[in-house]
Amino acid sequence: MISQPYHLYVERSDTSRNMARYYAMSIEPNLFGDVCLLRKWGRIGSKGQMLVHHFGREEEAVRLFLDLLRQKRKRGYRPRASMPR
């Protein structure tokens, strides 16, 4: 069971380089009781790509979540006011 929700949606835009990217992450349980970190990224307005990491413990997923968040912030990704549906 996940102790608290972990959801992130950030974007990076640069009109001079024709760049409009998004990056989304969430930590969720799967049907077998494992903890999964779901990562989605791509150009804003496109389906993009997805990657799922499986963990036995929530702490491991949170550690990767925070590491990836630091990396994205360094590269210029910033949160949006509301997450698109």
N, C-alpha and C. Protein backbone atom coordinates (compact mmCIF):
# COMPACT_ATOMS: atom_id res chain seq x y z
N MET A 1 0.84 -1.19 0.00
CA MET A 1 0.00 0.00 0.00
C MET A 1 0.88 1.24 0.00
N ILE A 2 0.54 2.20 -0.83
CA ILE A 2 1.30 3.43 -0.94
C ILE A 2 0.87 4.37 0.18
N SER A 3 1.85 4.92 0.91
CA SER A 3 1.53 5.74 2.07
C SER A 3 0.99 7.11 1.70
N GLN A 4 1.45 7.69 0.59
CA GLN A 4 0.94 8.98 0.13
C GLN A 4 1.05 9.05 -1.39
N PRO A 5 0.25 9.88 -2.02
CA PRO A 5 0.29 9.94 -3.50
C PRO A 5 1.52 10.67 -4.01
N TYR A 6 2.09 10.17 -5.06
CA TYR A 6 3.22 10.80 -5.73
C TYR A 6 2.82 10.99 -7.19
N HIS A 7 2.59 12.24 -7.59
CA HIS A 7 2.24 12.57 -8.96
C HIS A 7 3.02 13.82 -9.35
N LEU A 8 3.52 13.85 -10.58
CA LEU A 8 4.27 15.00 -11.05
C LEU A 8 3.98 15.20 -12.53
N TYR A 9 3.79 16.46 -12.91
CA TYR A 9 3.66 16.82 -14.32
C TYR A 9 4.44 18.11 -14.51
N VAL A 10 5.47 18.09 -15.37
CA VAL A 10 6.28 19.28 -15.64
C VAL A 10 6.42 19.46 -17.14
N GLU A 11 6.68 20.70 -17.53
CA GLU A 11 6.85 21.02 -18.95
C GLU A 11 8.10 21.85 -19.16
N ARG A 12 8.59 21.80 -20.40
CA ARG A 12 9.73 22.61 -20.81
C ARG A 12 9.44 23.13 -22.21
N SER A 13 9.45 24.45 -22.37
CA SER A 13 9.14 25.06 -23.65
C SER A 13 10.19 26.09 -24.01
N ASP A 14 10.55 26.12 -25.28
CA ASP A 14 11.47 27.12 -25.82
C ASP A 14 11.05 27.36 -27.27
N THR A 15 10.37 28.47 -27.51
CA THR A 15 9.85 28.74 -28.86
C THR A 15 10.95 28.95 -29.88
N SER A 16 12.10 29.48 -29.47
CA SER A 16 13.20 29.71 -30.42
C SER A 16 13.77 28.40 -30.95
N ARG A 17 13.64 27.32 -30.17
CA ARG A 17 14.13 26.00 -30.59
C ARG A 17 12.99 25.07 -31.00
N ASN A 18 11.75 25.59 -31.06
CA ASN A 18 10.57 24.80 -31.38
C ASN A 18 10.44 23.60 -30.44
N MET A 19 10.66 23.85 -29.15
CA MET A 19 10.62 22.79 -28.14
C MET A 19 9.40 22.99 -27.24
N ALA A 20 8.64 21.94 -27.09
CA ALA A 20 7.49 21.92 -26.18
C ALA A 20 7.35 20.49 -25.68
N ARG A 21 7.95 20.21 -24.52
CA ARG A 21 7.99 18.84 -23.99
C ARG A 21 7.27 18.75 -22.65
N TYR A 22 6.82 17.55 -22.36
CA TYR A 22 6.23 17.28 -21.04
C TYR A 22 6.89 16.05 -20.45
N TYR A 23 6.79 15.92 -19.13
CA TYR A 23 7.30 14.77 -18.42
C TYR A 23 6.37 14.54 -17.24
N ALA A 24 5.86 13.33 -17.10
CA ALA A 24 4.94 13.00 -16.02
C ALA A 24 5.40 11.73 -15.31
N MET A 25 5.23 11.70 -13.99
CA MET A 25 5.58 10.53 -13.19
C MET A 25 4.52 10.31 -12.12
N SER A 26 4.33 9.07 -11.75
CA SER A 26 3.47 8.74 -10.62
C SER A 26 3.90 7.39 -10.04
N ILE A 27 3.67 7.25 -8.75
CA ILE A 27 3.95 5.98 -8.07
C ILE A 27 2.60 5.37 -7.71
N GLU A 28 2.40 4.12 -8.19
CA GLU A 28 1.12 3.45 -8.00
C GLU A 28 1.33 1.98 -7.72
N PRO A 29 0.40 1.34 -7.02
CA PRO A 29 0.50 -0.11 -6.83
C PRO A 29 -0.02 -0.85 -8.06
N ASN A 30 0.49 -2.06 -8.29
CA ASN A 30 -0.08 -2.87 -9.37
C ASN A 30 -0.96 -3.95 -8.75
N LEU A 31 -1.51 -4.82 -9.56
CA LEU A 31 -2.44 -5.84 -9.07
C LEU A 31 -1.77 -6.89 -8.19
N PHE A 32 -0.46 -7.01 -8.26
CA PHE A 32 0.26 -8.05 -7.53
C PHE A 32 0.88 -7.53 -6.24
N GLY A 33 0.60 -6.29 -5.87
CA GLY A 33 1.10 -5.74 -4.62
C GLY A 33 2.45 -5.06 -4.74
N ASP A 34 3.05 -5.05 -5.93
CA ASP A 34 4.31 -4.34 -6.13
C ASP A 34 4.04 -2.85 -6.28
N VAL A 35 5.10 -2.08 -6.10
CA VAL A 35 5.02 -0.64 -6.29
C VAL A 35 5.62 -0.32 -7.65
N CYS A 36 4.93 0.49 -8.45
CA CYS A 36 5.40 0.84 -9.79
C CYS A 36 5.59 2.34 -9.92
N LEU A 37 6.67 2.72 -10.59
CA LEU A 37 6.89 4.11 -10.96
C LEU A 37 6.61 4.21 -12.46
N LEU A 38 5.57 4.96 -12.82
CA LEU A 38 5.20 5.15 -14.22
C LEU A 38 5.78 6.47 -14.70
N ARG A 39 6.49 6.42 -15.82
CA ARG A 39 7.08 7.62 -16.41
C ARG A 39 6.50 7.81 -17.81
N LYS A 40 6.06 9.02 -18.12
CA LYS A 40 5.54 9.35 -19.45
C LYS A 40 6.20 10.64 -19.91
N TRP A 41 6.58 10.70 -21.19
CA TRP A 41 7.21 11.90 -21.70
C TRP A 41 7.01 12.00 -23.20
N GLY A 42 7.18 13.23 -23.70
CA GLY A 42 7.05 13.45 -25.13
C GLY A 42 6.77 14.90 -25.45
N ARG A 43 6.42 15.14 -26.69
CA ARG A 43 6.07 16.48 -27.14
C ARG A 43 4.65 16.80 -26.66
N ILE A 44 4.44 18.02 -26.19
CA ILE A 44 3.12 18.43 -25.71
C ILE A 44 2.11 18.27 -26.85
N GLY A 45 1.02 17.60 -26.57
CA GLY A 45 -0.02 17.35 -27.56
C GLY A 45 0.09 15.99 -28.22
N SER A 46 1.19 15.25 -27.95
CA SER A 46 1.35 13.92 -28.53
C SER A 46 1.17 12.86 -27.45
N LYS A 47 1.03 11.63 -27.87
CA LYS A 47 0.89 10.52 -26.93
C LYS A 47 2.19 10.29 -26.17
N GLY A 48 3.33 10.41 -26.83
CA GLY A 48 4.61 10.24 -26.18
C GLY A 48 4.95 8.79 -25.89
N GLN A 49 5.86 8.61 -24.96
CA GLN A 49 6.34 7.28 -24.59
C GLN A 49 6.06 7.03 -23.12
N MET A 50 6.12 5.74 -22.73
CA MET A 50 5.89 5.38 -21.34
C MET A 50 6.85 4.28 -20.93
N LEU A 51 7.28 4.34 -19.67
CA LEU A 51 8.17 3.33 -19.09
C LEU A 51 7.69 3.04 -17.68
N VAL A 52 7.66 1.77 -17.30
CA VAL A 52 7.21 1.36 -15.97
C VAL A 52 8.36 0.65 -15.26
N HIS A 53 8.67 1.12 -14.05
CA HIS A 53 9.67 0.47 -13.20
C HIS A 53 8.93 -0.25 -12.07
N HIS A 54 9.31 -1.48 -11.78
CA HIS A 54 8.69 -2.25 -10.71
C HIS A 54 9.64 -2.34 -9.52
N PHE A 55 9.09 -2.15 -8.31
CA PHE A 55 9.88 -2.19 -7.09
C PHE A 55 9.17 -3.06 -6.05
N GLY A 56 9.94 -3.63 -5.17
CA GLY A 56 9.37 -4.40 -4.07
C GLY A 56 8.98 -3.52 -2.90
N ARG A 57 9.68 -2.37 -2.76
CA ARG A 57 9.43 -1.47 -1.64
C ARG A 57 9.17 -0.06 -2.15
N GLU A 58 8.29 0.65 -1.46
CA GLU A 58 7.94 2.02 -1.84
C GLU A 58 9.14 2.96 -1.75
N GLU A 59 10.02 2.74 -0.78
CA GLU A 59 11.17 3.62 -0.59
C GLU A 59 12.07 3.67 -1.83
N GLU A 60 12.22 2.53 -2.49
CA GLU A 60 13.05 2.48 -3.69
C GLU A 60 12.42 3.30 -4.81
N ALA A 61 11.11 3.20 -4.96
CA ALA A 61 10.40 3.97 -5.99
C ALA A 61 10.48 5.46 -5.70
N VAL A 62 10.33 5.84 -4.45
CA VAL A 62 10.40 7.25 -4.07
C VAL A 62 11.80 7.80 -4.33
N ARG A 63 12.82 7.02 -4.04
CA ARG A 63 14.21 7.45 -4.28
C ARG A 63 14.42 7.77 -5.77
N LEU A 64 13.97 6.88 -6.66
CA LEU A 64 14.11 7.13 -8.10
C LEU A 64 13.25 8.31 -8.52
N PHE A 65 12.04 8.42 -7.99
CA PHE A 65 11.15 9.54 -8.29
C PHE A 65 11.85 10.87 -7.98
N LEU A 66 12.45 10.98 -6.81
CA LEU A 66 13.11 12.23 -6.41
C LEU A 66 14.37 12.51 -7.23
N ASP A 67 15.12 11.45 -7.57
CA ASP A 67 16.30 11.63 -8.43
C ASP A 67 15.91 12.14 -9.81
N LEU A 68 14.87 11.57 -10.38
CA LEU A 68 14.41 12.01 -11.70
C LEU A 68 13.86 13.44 -11.64
N LEU A 69 13.19 13.78 -10.55
CA LEU A 69 12.68 15.13 -10.38
C LEU A 69 13.83 16.14 -10.36
N ARG A 70 14.89 15.84 -9.63
CA ARG A 70 16.07 16.74 -9.60
C ARG A 70 16.67 16.91 -10.98
N GLN A 71 16.79 15.82 -11.72
CA GLN A 71 17.35 15.88 -13.08
C GLN A 71 16.50 16.77 -13.99
N LYS A 72 15.19 16.60 -13.92
CA LYS A 72 14.30 17.37 -14.79
C LYS A 72 14.32 18.85 -14.42
N ARG A 73 14.39 19.18 -13.14
CA ARG A 73 14.46 20.58 -12.72
C ARG A 73 15.75 21.23 -13.22
N LYS A 74 16.86 20.49 -13.19
CA LYS A 74 18.13 21.01 -13.70
C LYS A 74 18.06 21.31 -15.18
N ARG A 75 17.27 20.53 -15.92
CA ARG A 75 17.16 20.70 -17.37
C ARG A 75 16.14 21.76 -17.76
N GLY A 76 15.48 22.37 -16.78
CA GLY A 76 14.56 23.47 -17.08
C GLY A 76 13.09 23.13 -17.09
N TYR A 77 12.72 21.93 -16.68
CA TYR A 77 11.30 21.56 -16.60
C TYR A 77 10.69 22.24 -15.38
N ARG A 78 9.49 22.78 -15.57
CA ARG A 78 8.78 23.48 -14.49
C ARG A 78 7.35 22.98 -14.41
N PRO A 79 6.76 22.98 -13.20
CA PRO A 79 5.38 22.51 -13.05
C PRO A 79 4.37 23.45 -13.71
N ARG A 80 3.25 22.87 -14.07
CA ARG A 80 2.14 23.62 -14.64
C ARG A 80 1.08 23.78 -13.58
N ALA A 81 0.21 24.75 -13.75
CA ALA A 81 -0.83 25.02 -12.74
C ALA A 81 -1.76 23.83 -12.57
N SER A 82 -2.15 23.17 -13.67
CA SER A 82 -3.03 22.01 -13.57
C SER A 82 -2.59 20.95 -14.56
N MET A 83 -2.80 19.70 -14.19
CA MET A 83 -2.39 18.58 -15.04
C MET A 83 -3.43 18.34 -16.12
N PRO A 84 -3.01 18.21 -17.39
CA PRO A 84 -3.99 17.97 -18.45
C PRO A 84 -4.60 16.57 -18.33
N ARG A 85 -5.76 16.40 -18.90
CA ARG A 85 -6.45 15.10 -18.83
C ARG A 85 -6.27 14.33 -20.08
